[in-house]
Protein backbone atom coordinates (compact mmCIF):
# COMPACT_ATOMS: atom_id res chain seq x y z
CA MET A 1 -90.03 114.72 -58.17
CA TYR A 2 -91.75 118.10 -58.28
CA LYS A 3 -93.66 117.97 -55.03
CA THR A 4 -96.57 120.38 -55.45
CA PRO A 5 -97.84 120.73 -59.02
CA ARG A 6 -101.15 122.41 -59.91
CA HIS A 7 -102.56 119.14 -61.24
CA PRO A 8 -101.89 115.70 -59.74
CA ILE A 9 -99.48 114.55 -62.43
CA TRP A 10 -95.76 113.88 -62.16
CA ILE A 11 -93.14 112.76 -64.67
CA THR A 12 -90.78 110.32 -63.02
CA LEU A 13 -87.36 108.95 -63.80
CA VAL A 14 -86.80 105.73 -61.89
CA ASN A 15 -83.77 103.58 -62.73
CA GLY A 16 -83.42 105.22 -66.13
CA LEU A 17 -87.08 104.63 -67.06
CA TYR A 18 -89.39 107.60 -67.58
CA GLY A 19 -92.92 107.23 -66.37
CA LEU A 20 -96.07 109.18 -65.70
CA LEU A 21 -97.57 109.11 -62.22
CA PHE A 22 -101.00 110.69 -61.89
CA SER A 23 -104.25 110.78 -59.96
CA VAL A 24 -107.75 111.27 -61.29
CA ASN A 25 -108.64 113.12 -58.07
CA GLN A 26 -108.03 116.80 -58.82
CA HIS A 27 -108.19 117.69 -55.11
CA LEU A 28 -105.15 115.59 -54.26
CA VAL A 29 -102.81 118.56 -54.60
CA SER A 30 -105.13 121.21 -53.20
CA ASP A 31 -106.71 119.62 -50.10
CA TRP A 32 -104.48 117.90 -47.55
CA ARG A 33 -107.42 115.87 -46.19
CA VAL A 34 -107.58 113.96 -49.48
CA GLU A 35 -103.99 112.80 -48.95
CA HIS A 36 -104.89 110.17 -46.34
CA LYS A 37 -105.96 107.45 -48.76
CA PHE A 38 -105.94 107.73 -52.53
CA ASP A 39 -105.02 105.98 -55.77
CA LEU A 40 -102.18 106.86 -58.10
CA TYR A 41 -101.76 105.49 -61.59
CA TYR A 42 -98.38 104.78 -63.15
CA TYR A 43 -97.75 104.51 -66.87
CA THR A 44 -94.41 103.92 -68.57
CA GLY A 45 -95.37 103.64 -72.23
CA GLN A 46 -93.55 100.31 -72.50
CA ALA A 47 -95.01 97.88 -75.02
CA THR A 48 -95.64 95.35 -72.25
CA GLN A 49 -97.81 97.78 -70.29
CA THR A 50 -101.29 97.93 -71.79
CA ARG A 51 -102.86 100.12 -69.11
CA PRO A 52 -101.67 102.20 -66.15
CA THR A 53 -100.85 100.38 -62.92
CA ARG A 54 -103.07 101.39 -60.00
CA LEU A 55 -101.25 102.05 -56.73
CA SER A 56 -103.27 102.58 -53.56
CA VAL A 57 -101.53 104.95 -51.16
CA GLU A 58 -102.31 105.10 -47.43
CA THR A 59 -100.50 107.84 -45.51
CA ARG A 60 -102.05 107.53 -42.05
CA LEU A 61 -100.90 104.00 -41.27
CA GLY A 62 -97.31 104.39 -42.40
CA ARG A 63 -94.96 101.57 -43.31
CA SER A 64 -94.67 98.75 -40.84
CA SER A 65 -91.17 97.88 -39.78
CA HIS A 66 -89.99 94.79 -37.97
CA ALA A 67 -86.37 95.94 -37.84
CA ARG A 68 -84.75 96.04 -34.43
CA THR A 69 -81.31 97.27 -35.41
CA ALA A 70 -80.02 99.93 -37.77
CA LEU A 71 -78.58 97.21 -40.00
CA GLN A 72 -81.94 95.43 -40.21
CA LYS A 73 -83.65 98.74 -40.98
CA SER A 74 -81.13 99.46 -43.74
CA GLU A 75 -81.69 96.01 -45.27
CA GLU A 76 -85.46 96.48 -45.05
CA GLU A 77 -85.26 99.87 -46.80
CA LYS A 78 -83.25 98.34 -49.66
CA LYS A 79 -86.23 96.07 -50.39
CA ILE A 80 -88.55 99.03 -51.04
CA PRO A 81 -89.12 99.30 -54.81
CA PRO A 82 -87.60 102.46 -56.34
CA LEU A 83 -90.99 103.77 -57.51
CA GLU A 84 -92.27 103.57 -53.94
CA ARG A 85 -89.21 105.47 -52.74
CA CYS A 86 -89.96 108.11 -55.37
CA ILE A 87 -93.57 108.39 -54.16
CA MET A 88 -92.35 108.67 -50.58
CA THR A 89 -90.46 111.86 -51.45
CA LYS A 90 -93.91 113.47 -51.48
CA TRP A 91 -95.72 111.26 -48.92
CA PHE A 92 -93.04 110.14 -46.47
CA GLY A 93 -93.60 106.73 -44.92
CA ALA A 94 -96.69 105.99 -47.00
CA HIS A 95 -97.89 102.41 -47.33
CA ILE A 96 -98.28 101.58 -51.02
CA ASP A 97 -100.38 98.68 -52.26
CA TRP A 98 -99.69 97.52 -55.83
CA ASN A 99 -103.14 95.86 -55.99
CA GLY A 100 -101.86 92.50 -57.18
CA THR A 101 -99.31 93.86 -59.66
CA MET A 102 -95.70 92.87 -59.09
CA PRO A 103 -93.53 95.95 -58.46
CA TYR A 104 -91.90 95.99 -61.88
CA VAL A 105 -89.73 99.07 -61.54
CA THR A 106 -86.80 97.58 -59.67
């Protein structure tokens, strides 16, 4: 993922599926204070997707982890959907809410 574009739009390749990840907030890539809580939209162009999926991203809280051992942590990380892992290359440890949509990029 290209981490700092001029406009908040990224082309993704997750599990062989191209997608478009974008924000309607132009300041997302120019003002770090906007990066605390914001929405991203994801669109794949698949026939089954009629509108972009809205993902709410919270960077201040971070991901909660209940793992006590390295093995548990590894197993917990495997459960993170690939699109979320892609988003976390830019916003490490972000909590991502799919707003009722099932994480369909698995």
